[in-house]
Amino acid sequence: LRDLRGKRQLSMLRVTTLEEAEAAECAGIDMASVPTAMMLDP
């Protein structure tokens, strides 16, 4: 992330379901804010 500063803009979403997380992955989203419970879900 530090190396990408000034080279290109990164995209970030707040996702709250596994379906949203999977869609973000498929869409090429770089970063995601997630709820604690979802992060702890394998």
PDB file of all heavy atoms in Angstrom:
ATOM      1  N   LEU A   1       0.840  -1.205   0.000  1.00  0.00           N
ATOM      2  CA  LEU A   1       0.000   0.000   0.000  1.00  0.00           C
ATOM      3  C   LEU A   1       0.876   1.257   0.000  1.00  0.00           C
ATOM      4  O   LEU A   1       0.599   2.214  -0.735  1.00  0.00           O
ATOM      5  CB  LEU A   1      -0.926   0.006   1.216  1.00  0.00           C
ATOM      6  CG  LEU A   1      -1.956  -1.121   1.329  1.00  0.00           C
ATOM      7  CD1 LEU A   1      -2.915  -0.831   2.477  1.00  0.00           C
ATOM      8  CD2 LEU A   1      -2.726  -1.322   0.040  1.00  0.00           C
ATOM      9  N   ARG A   2       1.906   1.234   0.801  1.00  0.00           N
ATOM     10  CA  ARG A   2       2.804   2.399   0.836  1.00  0.00           C
ATOM     11  C   ARG A   2       3.467   2.623  -0.516  1.00  0.00           C
ATOM     12  O   ARG A   2       3.611   3.754  -0.980  1.00  0.00           O
ATOM     13  CB  ARG A   2       3.859   2.187   1.918  1.00  0.00           C
ATOM     14  CG  ARG A   2       3.326   2.367   3.335  1.00  0.00           C
ATOM     15  CD  ARG A   2       4.355   1.976   4.376  1.00  0.00           C
ATOM     16  NE  ARG A   2       3.973   2.441   5.706  1.00  0.00           N
ATOM     17  CZ  ARG A   2       4.514   1.981   6.828  1.00  0.00           C
ATOM     18  NH1 ARG A   2       5.460   1.054   6.785  1.00  0.00           N
ATOM     19  NH2 ARG A   2       4.113   2.452   7.995  1.00  0.00           N
ATOM     20  N   ASP A   3       3.856   1.533  -1.158  1.00  0.00           N
ATOM     21  CA  ASP A   3       4.524   1.649  -2.458  1.00  0.00           C
ATOM     22  C   ASP A   3       3.584   2.159  -3.550  1.00  0.00           C
ATOM     23  O   ASP A   3       4.045   2.708  -4.559  1.00  0.00           O
ATOM     24  CB  ASP A   3       5.094   0.288  -2.873  1.00  0.00           C
ATOM     25  CG  ASP A   3       6.280  -0.132  -2.016  1.00  0.00           C
ATOM     26  OD1 ASP A   3       6.839   0.727  -1.310  1.00  0.00           O
ATOM     27  OD2 ASP A   3       6.615  -1.338  -2.042  1.00  0.00           O
ATOM     28  N   LEU A   4       2.279   1.962  -3.354  1.00  0.00           N
ATOM     29  CA  LEU A   4       1.303   2.389  -4.364  1.00  0.00           C
ATOM     30  C   LEU A   4       0.872   3.845  -4.203  1.00  0.00           C
ATOM     31  O   LEU A   4       0.157   4.375  -5.057  1.00  0.00           O
ATOM     32  CB  LEU A   4       0.064   1.481  -4.306  1.00  0.00           C
ATOM     33  CG  LEU A   4       0.238   0.086  -4.901  1.00  0.00           C
ATOM     34  CD1 LEU A   4      -0.930  -0.820  -4.519  1.00  0.00           C
ATOM     35  CD2 LEU A   4       0.378   0.173  -6.411  1.00  0.00           C
ATOM     36  N   ARG A   5       1.295   4.463  -3.114  1.00  0.00           N
ATOM     37  CA  ARG A   5       0.949   5.874  -2.904  1.00  0.00           C
ATOM     38  C   ARG A   5       1.404   6.711  -4.094  1.00  0.00           C
ATOM     39  O   ARG A   5       2.573   6.687  -4.478  1.00  0.00           O
ATOM     40  CB  ARG A   5       1.611   6.416  -1.639  1.00  0.00           C
ATOM     41  CG  ARG A   5       0.966   5.993  -0.347  1.00  0.00           C
ATOM     42  CD  ARG A   5       1.854   6.286   0.856  1.00  0.00           C
ATOM     43  NE  ARG A   5       2.528   7.561   0.755  1.00  0.00           N
ATOM     44  CZ  ARG A   5       2.293   8.630   1.531  1.00  0.00           C
ATOM     45  NH1 ARG A   5       1.383   8.551   2.475  1.00  0.00           N
ATOM     46  NH2 ARG A   5       2.963   9.744   1.385  1.00  0.00           N
ATOM     47  N   GLY A   6       0.475   7.462  -4.681  1.00  0.00           N
ATOM     48  CA  GLY A   6       0.794   8.342  -5.792  1.00  0.00           C
ATOM     49  C   GLY A   6       0.895   7.657  -7.130  1.00  0.00           C
ATOM     50  O   GLY A   6       1.076   8.320  -8.158  1.00  0.00           O
ATOM     51  N   LYS A   7       0.775   6.324  -7.164  1.00  0.00           N
ATOM     52  CA  LYS A   7       0.864   5.591  -8.435  1.00  0.00           C
ATOM     53  C   LYS A   7      -0.513   5.285  -9.000  1.00  0.00           C
ATOM     54  O   LYS A   7      -0.738   5.368 -10.198  1.00  0.00           O
ATOM     55  CB  LYS A   7       1.659   4.299  -8.241  1.00  0.00           C
ATOM     56  CG  LYS A   7       3.116   4.560  -7.899  1.00  0.00           C
ATOM     57  CD  LYS A   7       3.882   3.266  -7.729  1.00  0.00           C
ATOM     58  CE  LYS A   7       5.348   3.538  -7.387  1.00  0.00           C
ATOM     59  NZ  LYS A   7       6.099   2.278  -7.147  1.00  0.00           N
ATOM     60  N   ARG A   8      -1.422   4.879  -8.144  1.00  0.00           N
ATOM     61  CA  ARG A   8      -2.817   4.690  -8.565  1.00  0.00           C
ATOM     62  C   ARG A   8      -3.724   4.767  -7.351  1.00  0.00           C
ATOM     63  O   ARG A   8      -3.286   4.522  -6.220  1.00  0.00           O
ATOM     64  CB  ARG A   8      -3.023   3.376  -9.288  1.00  0.00           C
ATOM     65  CG  ARG A   8      -3.015   2.110  -8.416  1.00  0.00           C
ATOM     66  CD  ARG A   8      -3.492   0.925  -9.214  1.00  0.00           C
ATOM     67  NE  ARG A   8      -3.447  -0.330  -8.479  1.00  0.00           N
ATOM     68  CZ  ARG A   8      -4.450  -0.795  -7.719  1.00  0.00           C
ATOM     69  NH1 ARG A   8      -5.558  -0.083  -7.570  1.00  0.00           N
ATOM     70  NH2 ARG A   8      -4.334  -1.965  -7.098  1.00  0.00           N
ATOM     71  N   GLN A   9      -4.980   5.111  -7.581  1.00  0.00           N
ATOM     72  CA  GLN A   9      -5.962   5.135  -6.511  1.00  0.00           C
ATOM     73  C   GLN A   9      -6.437   3.710  -6.225  1.00  0.00           C
ATOM     74  O   GLN A   9      -6.675   2.917  -7.143  1.00  0.00           O
ATOM     75  CB  GLN A   9      -7.163   5.985  -6.920  1.00  0.00           C
ATOM     76  CG  GLN A   9      -6.872   7.477  -6.991  1.00  0.00           C
ATOM     77  CD  GLN A   9      -7.099   8.151  -5.646  1.00  0.00           C
ATOM     78  OE1 GLN A   9      -8.182   8.135  -5.088  1.00  0.00           O
ATOM     79  NE2 GLN A   9      -6.055   8.779  -5.147  1.00  0.00           N
ATOM     80  N   LEU A  10      -6.565   3.377  -4.955  1.00  0.00           N
ATOM     81  CA  LEU A  10      -7.106   2.082  -4.565  1.00  0.00           C
ATOM     82  C   LEU A  10      -8.578   2.231  -4.205  1.00  0.00           C
ATOM     83  O   LEU A  10      -9.023   3.320  -3.800  1.00  0.00           O
ATOM     84  CB  LEU A  10      -6.330   1.497  -3.387  1.00  0.00           C
ATOM     85  CG  LEU A  10      -5.056   0.707  -3.753  1.00  0.00           C
ATOM     86  CD1 LEU A  10      -3.978   1.627  -4.330  1.00  0.00           C
ATOM     87  CD2 LEU A  10      -4.522  -0.046  -2.547  1.00  0.00           C
ATOM     88  N   SER A  11      -9.315   1.151  -4.338  1.00  0.00           N
ATOM     89  CA  SER A  11     -10.747   1.141  -4.018  1.00  0.00           C
ATOM     90  C   SER A  11     -10.968   0.398  -2.705  1.00  0.00           C
ATOM     91  O   SER A  11     -10.307  -0.607  -2.419  1.00  0.00           O
ATOM     92  CB  SER A  11     -11.534   0.466  -5.137  1.00  0.00           C
ATOM     93  OG  SER A  11     -11.034  -0.843  -5.386  1.00  0.00           O
ATOM     94  N   MET A  12     -11.918   0.896  -1.921  1.00  0.00           N
ATOM     95  CA  MET A  12     -12.223   0.276  -0.632  1.00  0.00           C
ATOM     96  C   MET A  12     -13.725   0.333  -0.387  1.00  0.00           C
ATOM     97  O   MET A  12     -14.383   1.345  -0.671  1.00  0.00           O
ATOM     98  CB  MET A  12     -11.477   0.994   0.500  1.00  0.00           C
ATOM     99  CG  MET A  12     -11.694   0.386   1.880  1.00  0.00           C
ATOM    100  SD  MET A  12     -10.594   1.140   3.123  1.00  0.00           S
ATOM    101  CE  MET A  12     -11.051   0.225   4.590  1.00  0.00           C
ATOM    102  N   LEU A  13     -14.285  -0.756   0.130  1.00  0.00           N
ATOM    103  CA  LEU A  13     -15.706  -0.834   0.456  1.00  0.00           C
ATOM    104  C   LEU A  13     -15.893  -1.322   1.886  1.00  0.00           C
ATOM    105  O   LEU A  13     -15.081  -2.100   2.400  1.00  0.00           O
ATOM    106  CB  LEU A  13     -16.428  -1.809  -0.472  1.00  0.00           C
ATOM    107  CG  LEU A  13     -16.676  -1.392  -1.918  1.00  0.00           C
ATOM    108  CD1 LEU A  13     -17.247  -2.564  -2.695  1.00  0.00           C
ATOM    109  CD2 LEU A  13     -17.617  -0.197  -1.981  1.00  0.00           C
ATOM    110  N   ARG A  14     -16.979  -0.888   2.499  1.00  0.00           N
ATOM    111  CA  ARG A  14     -17.444  -1.493   3.743  1.00  0.00           C
ATOM    112  C   ARG A  14     -18.413  -2.598   3.346  1.00  0.00           C
ATOM    113  O   ARG A  14     -19.457  -2.324   2.747  1.00  0.00           O
ATOM    114  CB  ARG A  14     -18.151  -0.462   4.628  1.00  0.00           C
ATOM    115  CG  ARG A  14     -18.868  -1.048   5.856  1.00  0.00           C
ATOM    116  CD  ARG A  14     -17.905  -1.549   6.903  1.00  0.00           C
ATOM    117  NE  ARG A  14     -18.603  -1.964   8.125  1.00  0.00           N
ATOM    118  CZ  ARG A  14     -18.002  -2.446   9.217  1.00  0.00           C
ATOM    119  NH1 ARG A  14     -16.691  -2.555   9.229  1.00  0.00           N
ATOM    120  NH2 ARG A  14     -18.697  -2.796  10.271  1.00  0.00           N
ATOM    121  N   VAL A  15     -18.048  -3.850   3.624  1.00  0.00           N
ATOM    122  CA  VAL A  15     -18.913  -4.979   3.300  1.00  0.00           C
ATOM    123  C   VAL A  15     -19.316  -5.663   4.593  1.00  0.00           C
ATOM    124  O   VAL A  15     -18.521  -5.755   5.533  1.00  0.00           O
ATOM    125  CB  VAL A  15     -18.225  -5.969   2.343  1.00  0.00           C
ATOM    126  CG1 VAL A  15     -17.922  -5.303   1.009  1.00  0.00           C
ATOM    127  CG2 VAL A  15     -16.940  -6.532   2.940  1.00  0.00           C
ATOM    128  N   THR A  16     -20.536  -6.160   4.639  1.00  0.00           N
ATOM    129  CA  THR A  16     -21.044  -6.724   5.890  1.00  0.00           C
ATOM    130  C   THR A  16     -21.570  -8.147   5.742  1.00  0.00           C
ATOM    131  O   THR A  16     -22.023  -8.727   6.731  1.00  0.00           O
ATOM    132  CB  THR A  16     -22.165  -5.836   6.462  1.00  0.00           C
ATOM    133  OG1 THR A  16     -23.208  -5.695   5.483  1.00  0.00           O
ATOM    134  CG2 THR A  16     -21.633  -4.452   6.833  1.00  0.00           C
ATOM    135  N   THR A  17     -21.540  -8.709   4.535  1.00  0.00           N
ATOM    136  CA  THR A  17     -21.972 -10.088   4.334  1.00  0.00           C
ATOM    137  C   THR A  17     -20.931 -10.815   3.490  1.00  0.00           C
ATOM    138  O   THR A  17     -20.148 -10.196   2.766  1.00  0.00           O
ATOM    139  CB  THR A  17     -23.328 -10.164   3.613  1.00  0.00           C
ATOM    140  OG1 THR A  17     -23.174  -9.698   2.260  1.00  0.00           O
ATOM    141  CG2 THR A  17     -24.390  -9.327   4.331  1.00  0.00           C
ATOM    142  N   LEU A  18     -20.951 -12.134   3.570  1.00  0.00           N
ATOM    143  CA  LEU A  18     -20.029 -12.923   2.763  1.00  0.00           C
ATOM    144  C   LEU A  18     -20.320 -12.752   1.272  1.00  0.00           C
ATOM    145  O   LEU A  18     -19.399 -12.788   0.450  1.00  0.00           O
ATOM    146  CB  LEU A  18     -20.121 -14.401   3.156  1.00  0.00           C
ATOM    147  CG  LEU A  18     -19.564 -14.759   4.541  1.00  0.00           C
ATOM    148  CD1 LEU A  18     -19.830 -16.218   4.861  1.00  0.00           C
ATOM    149  CD2 LEU A  18     -18.067 -14.458   4.625  1.00  0.00           C
ATOM    150  N   GLU A  19     -21.601 -12.545   0.944  1.00  0.00           N
ATOM    151  CA  GLU A  19     -21.953 -12.332  -0.461  1.00  0.00           C
ATOM    152  C   GLU A  19     -21.327 -11.038  -0.979  1.00  0.00           C
ATOM    153  O   GLU A  19     -20.809 -10.992  -2.104  1.00  0.00           O
ATOM    154  CB  GLU A  19     -23.473 -12.293  -0.631  1.00  0.00           C
ATOM    155  CG  GLU A  19     -24.182 -13.608  -0.400  1.00  0.00           C
ATOM    156  CD  GLU A  19     -24.401 -13.935   1.073  1.00  0.00           C
ATOM    157  OE1 GLU A  19     -24.116 -13.080   1.932  1.00  0.00           O
ATOM    158  OE2 GLU A  19     -24.851 -15.057   1.359  1.00  0.00           O
ATOM    159  N   GLU A  20     -21.368  -9.997  -0.162  1.00  0.00           N
ATOM    160  CA  GLU A  20     -20.738  -8.738  -0.556  1.00  0.00           C
ATOM    161  C   GLU A  20     -19.222  -8.891  -0.652  1.00  0.00           C
ATOM    162  O   GLU A  20     -18.588  -8.350  -1.568  1.00  0.00           O
ATOM    163  CB  GLU A  20     -21.100  -7.635   0.434  1.00  0.00           C
ATOM    164  CG  GLU A  20     -22.553  -7.194   0.361  1.00  0.00           C
ATOM    165  CD  GLU A  20     -22.901  -6.135   1.389  1.00  0.00           C
ATOM    166  OE1 GLU A  20     -22.072  -5.849   2.276  1.00  0.00           O
ATOM    167  OE2 GLU A  20     -24.026  -5.595   1.307  1.00  0.00           O
ATOM    168  N   ALA A  21     -18.637  -9.631   0.291  1.00  0.00           N
ATOM    169  CA  ALA A  21     -17.194  -9.843   0.268  1.00  0.00           C
ATOM    170  C   ALA A  21     -16.780 -10.598  -0.988  1.00  0.00           C
ATOM    171  O   ALA A  21     -15.782 -10.247  -1.642  1.00  0.00           O
ATOM    172  CB  ALA A  21     -16.757 -10.617   1.519  1.00  0.00           C
ATOM    173  N   GLU A  22     -17.539 -11.610  -1.356  1.00  0.00           N
ATOM    174  CA  GLU A  22     -17.217 -12.386  -2.556  1.00  0.00           C
ATOM    175  C   GLU A  22     -17.359 -11.530  -3.808  1.00  0.00           C
ATOM    176  O   GLU A  22     -16.520 -11.599  -4.717  1.00  0.00           O
ATOM    177  CB  GLU A  22     -18.132 -13.602  -2.654  1.00  0.00           C
ATOM    178  CG  GLU A  22     -17.828 -14.500  -3.840  1.00  0.00           C
ATOM    179  CD  GLU A  22     -18.717 -15.724  -3.891  1.00  0.00           C
ATOM    180  OE1 GLU A  22     -19.819 -15.701  -3.300  1.00  0.00           O
ATOM    181  OE2 GLU A  22     -18.315 -16.718  -4.527  1.00  0.00           O
ATOM    182  N   ALA A  23     -18.409 -10.697  -3.848  1.00  0.00           N
ATOM    183  CA  ALA A  23     -18.602  -9.812  -4.997  1.00  0.00           C
ATOM    184  C   ALA A  23     -17.459  -8.809  -5.095  1.00  0.00           C
ATOM    185  O   ALA A  23     -16.974  -8.500  -6.194  1.00  0.00           O
ATOM    186  CB  ALA A  23     -19.944  -9.088  -4.891  1.00  0.00           C
ATOM    187  N   ALA A  24     -17.012  -8.292  -3.947  1.00  0.00           N
ATOM    188  CA  ALA A  24     -15.897  -7.343  -3.947  1.00  0.00           C
ATOM    189  C   ALA A  24     -14.624  -8.007  -4.466  1.00  0.00           C
ATOM    190  O   ALA A  24     -13.863  -7.416  -5.238  1.00  0.00           O
ATOM    191  CB  ALA A  24     -15.678  -6.799  -2.539  1.00  0.00           C
ATOM    192  N   GLU A  25     -14.394  -9.238  -4.048  1.00  0.00           N
ATOM    193  CA  GLU A  25     -13.238  -9.996  -4.534  1.00  0.00           C
ATOM    194  C   GLU A  25     -13.306 -10.163  -6.052  1.00  0.00           C
ATOM    195  O   GLU A  25     -12.332  -9.892  -6.769  1.00  0.00           O
ATOM    196  CB  GLU A  25     -13.196 -11.366  -3.855  1.00  0.00           C
ATOM    197  CG  GLU A  25     -12.144 -12.320  -4.386  1.00  0.00           C
ATOM    198  CD  GLU A  25     -10.745 -12.015  -3.880  1.00  0.00           C
ATOM    199  OE1 GLU A  25     -10.609 -11.370  -2.830  1.00  0.00           O
ATOM    200  OE2 GLU A  25      -9.781 -12.443  -4.549  1.00  0.00           O
ATOM    201  N   CYS A  26     -14.466 -10.593  -6.548  1.00  0.00           N
ATOM    202  CA  CYS A  26     -14.624 -10.824  -7.986  1.00  0.00           C
ATOM    203  C   CYS A  26     -14.498  -9.529  -8.783  1.00  0.00           C
ATOM    204  O   CYS A  26     -14.053  -9.539  -9.934  1.00  0.00           O
ATOM    205  CB  CYS A  26     -15.974 -11.484  -8.263  1.00  0.00           C
ATOM    206  SG  CYS A  26     -16.118 -13.169  -7.627  1.00  0.00           S
ATOM    207  N   ALA A  27     -14.899  -8.415  -8.170  1.00  0.00           N
ATOM    208  CA  ALA A  27     -14.870  -7.123  -8.857  1.00  0.00           C
ATOM    209  C   ALA A  27     -13.492  -6.477  -8.842  1.00  0.00           C
ATOM    210  O   ALA A  27     -13.291  -5.454  -9.497  1.00  0.00           O
ATOM    211  CB  ALA A  27     -15.891  -6.181  -8.226  1.00  0.00           C
ATOM    212  N   GLY A  28     -12.559  -7.032  -8.084  1.00  0.00           N
ATOM    213  CA  GLY A  28     -11.222  -6.458  -8.026  1.00  0.00           C
ATOM    214  C   GLY A  28     -11.073  -5.314  -7.046  1.00  0.00           C
ATOM    215  O   GLY A  28     -10.138  -4.509  -7.164  1.00  0.00           O
ATOM    216  N   ILE A  29     -11.961  -5.229  -6.051  1.00  0.00           N
ATOM    217  CA  ILE A  29     -11.823  -4.210  -5.006  1.00  0.00           C
ATOM    218  C   ILE A  29     -10.540  -4.489  -4.217  1.00  0.00           C
ATOM    219  O   ILE A  29     -10.236  -5.632  -3.876  1.00  0.00           O
ATOM    220  CB  ILE A  29     -13.053  -4.231  -4.071  1.00  0.00           C
ATOM    221  CG1 ILE A  29     -14.331  -3.881  -4.848  1.00  0.00           C
ATOM    222  CG2 ILE A  29     -12.855  -3.277  -2.897  1.00  0.00           C
ATOM    223  CD1 ILE A  29     -14.348  -2.498  -5.454  1.00  0.00           C
ATOM    224  N   ASP A  30      -9.781  -3.445  -3.923  1.00  0.00           N
ATOM    225  CA  ASP A  30      -8.481  -3.617  -3.272  1.00  0.00           C
ATOM    226  C   ASP A  30      -8.578  -3.879  -1.771  1.00  0.00           C
ATOM    227  O   ASP A  30      -7.849  -4.714  -1.233  1.00  0.00           O
ATOM    228  CB  ASP A  30      -7.622  -2.359  -3.475  1.00  0.00           C
ATOM    229  CG  ASP A  30      -7.291  -2.118  -4.938  1.00  0.00           C
ATOM    230  OD1 ASP A  30      -6.614  -2.969  -5.540  1.00  0.00           O
ATOM    231  OD2 ASP A  30      -7.726  -1.068  -5.477  1.00  0.00           O
ATOM    232  N   MET A  31      -9.466  -3.117  -1.104  1.00  0.00           N
ATOM    233  CA  MET A  31      -9.502  -3.135   0.351  1.00  0.00           C
ATOM    234  C   MET A  31     -10.951  -3.213   0.823  1.00  0.00           C
ATOM    235  O   MET A  31     -11.860  -2.767   0.122  1.00  0.00           O
ATOM    236  CB  MET A  31      -8.853  -1.866   0.922  1.00  0.00           C
ATOM    237  CG  MET A  31      -7.451  -1.605   0.427  1.00  0.00           C
ATOM    238  SD  MET A  31      -6.855   0.052   0.916  1.00  0.00           S
ATOM    239  CE  MET A  31      -6.751  -0.146   2.699  1.00  0.00           C
ATOM    240  N   ALA A  32     -11.141  -3.746   2.030  1.00  0.00           N
ATOM    241  CA  ALA A  32     -12.489  -3.806   2.580  1.00  0.00           C
ATOM    242  C   ALA A  32     -12.450  -3.618   4.088  1.00  0.00           C
ATOM    243  O   ALA A  32     -11.588  -4.171   4.772  1.00  0.00           O
ATOM    244  CB  ALA A  32     -13.162  -5.129   2.242  1.00  0.00           C
ATOM    245  N   SER A  33     -13.390  -2.828   4.564  1.00  0.00           N
ATOM    246  CA  SER A  33     -13.665  -2.742   5.989  1.00  0.00           C
ATOM    247  C   SER A  33     -14.737  -3.783   6.289  1.00  0.00           C
ATOM    248  O   SER A  33     -15.734  -3.878   5.560  1.00  0.00           O
ATOM    249  CB  SER A  33     -14.167  -1.338   6.337  1.00  0.00           C
ATOM    250  OG  SER A  33     -14.753  -1.312   7.624  1.00  0.00           O
ATOM    251  N   VAL A  34     -14.528  -4.569   7.341  1.00  0.00           N
ATOM    252  CA  VAL A  34     -15.454  -5.678   7.621  1.00  0.00           C
ATOM    253  C   VAL A  34     -15.807  -5.714   9.105  1.00  0.00           C
ATOM    254  O   VAL A  34     -15.014  -5.290   9.951  1.00  0.00           O
ATOM    255  CB  VAL A  34     -14.839  -7.033   7.197  1.00  0.00           C
ATOM    256  CG1 VAL A  34     -14.517  -7.034   5.710  1.00  0.00           C
ATOM    257  CG2 VAL A  34     -13.588  -7.356   7.995  1.00  0.00           C
ATOM    258  N   PRO A  35     -16.989  -6.236   9.441  1.00  0.00           N
ATOM    259  CA  PRO A  35     -17.333  -6.401  10.852  1.00  0.00           C
ATOM    260  C   PRO A  35     -16.455  -7.465  11.502  1.00  0.00           C
ATOM    261  O   PRO A  35     -15.962  -8.382  10.834  1.00  0.00           O
ATOM    262  CB  PRO A  35     -18.800  -6.867  10.805  1.00  0.00           C
ATOM    263  CG  PRO A  35     -19.268  -6.598   9.414  1.00  0.00           C
ATOM    264  CD  PRO A  35     -18.071  -6.656   8.538  1.00  0.00           C
ATOM    265  N   THR A  36     -16.295  -7.353  12.799  1.00  0.00           N
ATOM    266  CA  THR A  36     -15.477  -8.313  13.542  1.00  0.00           C
ATOM    267  C   THR A  36     -15.933  -9.743  13.326  1.00  0.00           C
ATOM    268  O   THR A  36     -15.128 -10.640  13.044  1.00  0.00           O
ATOM    269  CB  THR A  36     -15.502  -7.976  15.044  1.00  0.00           C
ATOM    270  OG1 THR A  36     -14.924  -6.688  15.249  1.00  0.00           O
ATOM    271  CG2 THR A  36     -14.745  -9.003  15.855  1.00  0.00           C
ATOM    272  N   ALA A  37     -17.245  -9.977  13.466  1.00  0.00           N
ATOM    273  CA  ALA A  37     -17.763 -11.344  13.380  1.00  0.00           C
ATOM    274  C   ALA A  37     -17.466 -11.973  12.028  1.00  0.00           C
ATOM    275  O   ALA A  37     -17.147 -13.168  11.947  1.00  0.00           O
ATOM    276  CB  ALA A  37     -19.265 -11.348  13.655  1.00  0.00           C
ATOM    277  N   MET A  38     -17.553 -11.193  10.971  1.00  0.00           N
ATOM    278  CA  MET A  38     -17.293 -11.752   9.643  1.00  0.00           C
ATOM    279  C   MET A  38     -15.816 -12.058   9.458  1.00  0.00           C
ATOM    280  O   MET A  38     -15.449 -13.055   8.833  1.00  0.00           O
ATOM    281  CB  MET A  38     -17.790 -10.805   8.556  1.00  0.00           C
ATOM    282  CG  MET A  38     -17.837 -11.466   7.179  1.00  0.00           C
ATOM    283  SD  MET A  38     -18.823 -10.549   5.987  1.00  0.00           S
ATOM    284  CE  MET A  38     -17.698  -9.228   5.554  1.00  0.00           C
ATOM    285  N   MET A  39     -14.949 -11.215  10.011  1.00  0.00           N
ATOM    286  CA  MET A  39     -13.510 -11.473   9.902  1.00  0.00           C
ATOM    287  C   MET A  39     -13.145 -12.757  10.629  1.00  0.00           C
ATOM    288  O   MET A  39     -12.236 -13.496  10.200  1.00  0.00           O
ATOM    289  CB  MET A  39     -12.737 -10.294  10.495  1.00  0.00           C
ATOM    290  CG  MET A  39     -11.235 -10.344  10.292  1.00  0.00           C
ATOM    291  SD  MET A  39     -10.735  -9.988   8.591  1.00  0.00           S
ATOM    292  CE  MET A  39     -10.062 -11.561   8.095  1.00  0.00           C
ATOM    293  N   LEU A  40     -13.827 -13.054  11.718  1.00  0.00           N
ATOM    294  CA  LEU A  40     -13.541 -14.255  12.494  1.00  0.00           C
ATOM    295  C   LEU A  40     -14.134 -15.515  11.883  1.00  0.00           C
ATOM    296  O   LEU A  40     -13.817 -16.626  12.310  1.00  0.00           O
ATOM    297  CB  LEU A  40     -14.056 -14.083  13.935  1.00  0.00           C
ATOM    298  CG  LEU A  40     -13.364 -13.001  14.762  1.00  0.00           C
ATOM    299  CD1 LEU A  40     -14.068 -12.833  16.110  1.00  0.00           C
ATOM    300  CD2 LEU A  40     -11.886 -13.311  14.962  1.00  0.00           C
ATOM    301  N   ASP A  41     -14.994 -15.350  10.892  1.00  0.00           N
ATOM    302  CA  ASP A  41     -15.619 -16.488  10.210  1.00  0.00           C
ATOM    303  C   ASP A  41     -14.611 -17.062   9.202  1.00  0.00           C
ATOM    304  O   ASP A  41     -14.177 -16.355   8.290  1.00  0.00           O
ATOM    305  CB  ASP A  41     -16.885 -16.021   9.493  1.00  0.00           C
ATOM    306  CG  ASP A  41     -17.654 -17.161   8.840  1.00  0.00           C
ATOM    307  OD1 ASP A  41     -17.092 -18.264   8.686  1.00  0.00           O
ATOM    308  OD2 ASP A  41     -18.814 -16.939   8.467  1.00  0.00           O
ATOM    309  N   PRO A  42     -14.220 -18.336   9.322  1.00  0.00           N
ATOM    310  CA  PRO A  42     -13.259 -18.911   8.373  1.00  0.00           C
ATOM    311  C   PRO A  42     -13.715 -18.819   6.918  1.00  0.00           C
ATOM    312  O   PRO A  42     -12.883 -18.837   6.007  1.00  0.00           O
ATOM    313  CB  PRO A  42     -13.158 -20.375   8.825  1.00  0.00           C
ATOM    314  CG  PRO A  42     -13.561 -20.365  10.265  1.00  0.00           C
ATOM    315  CD  PRO A  42     -14.599 -19.287  10.376  1.00  0.00           C
TER     316      PRO A  42
END
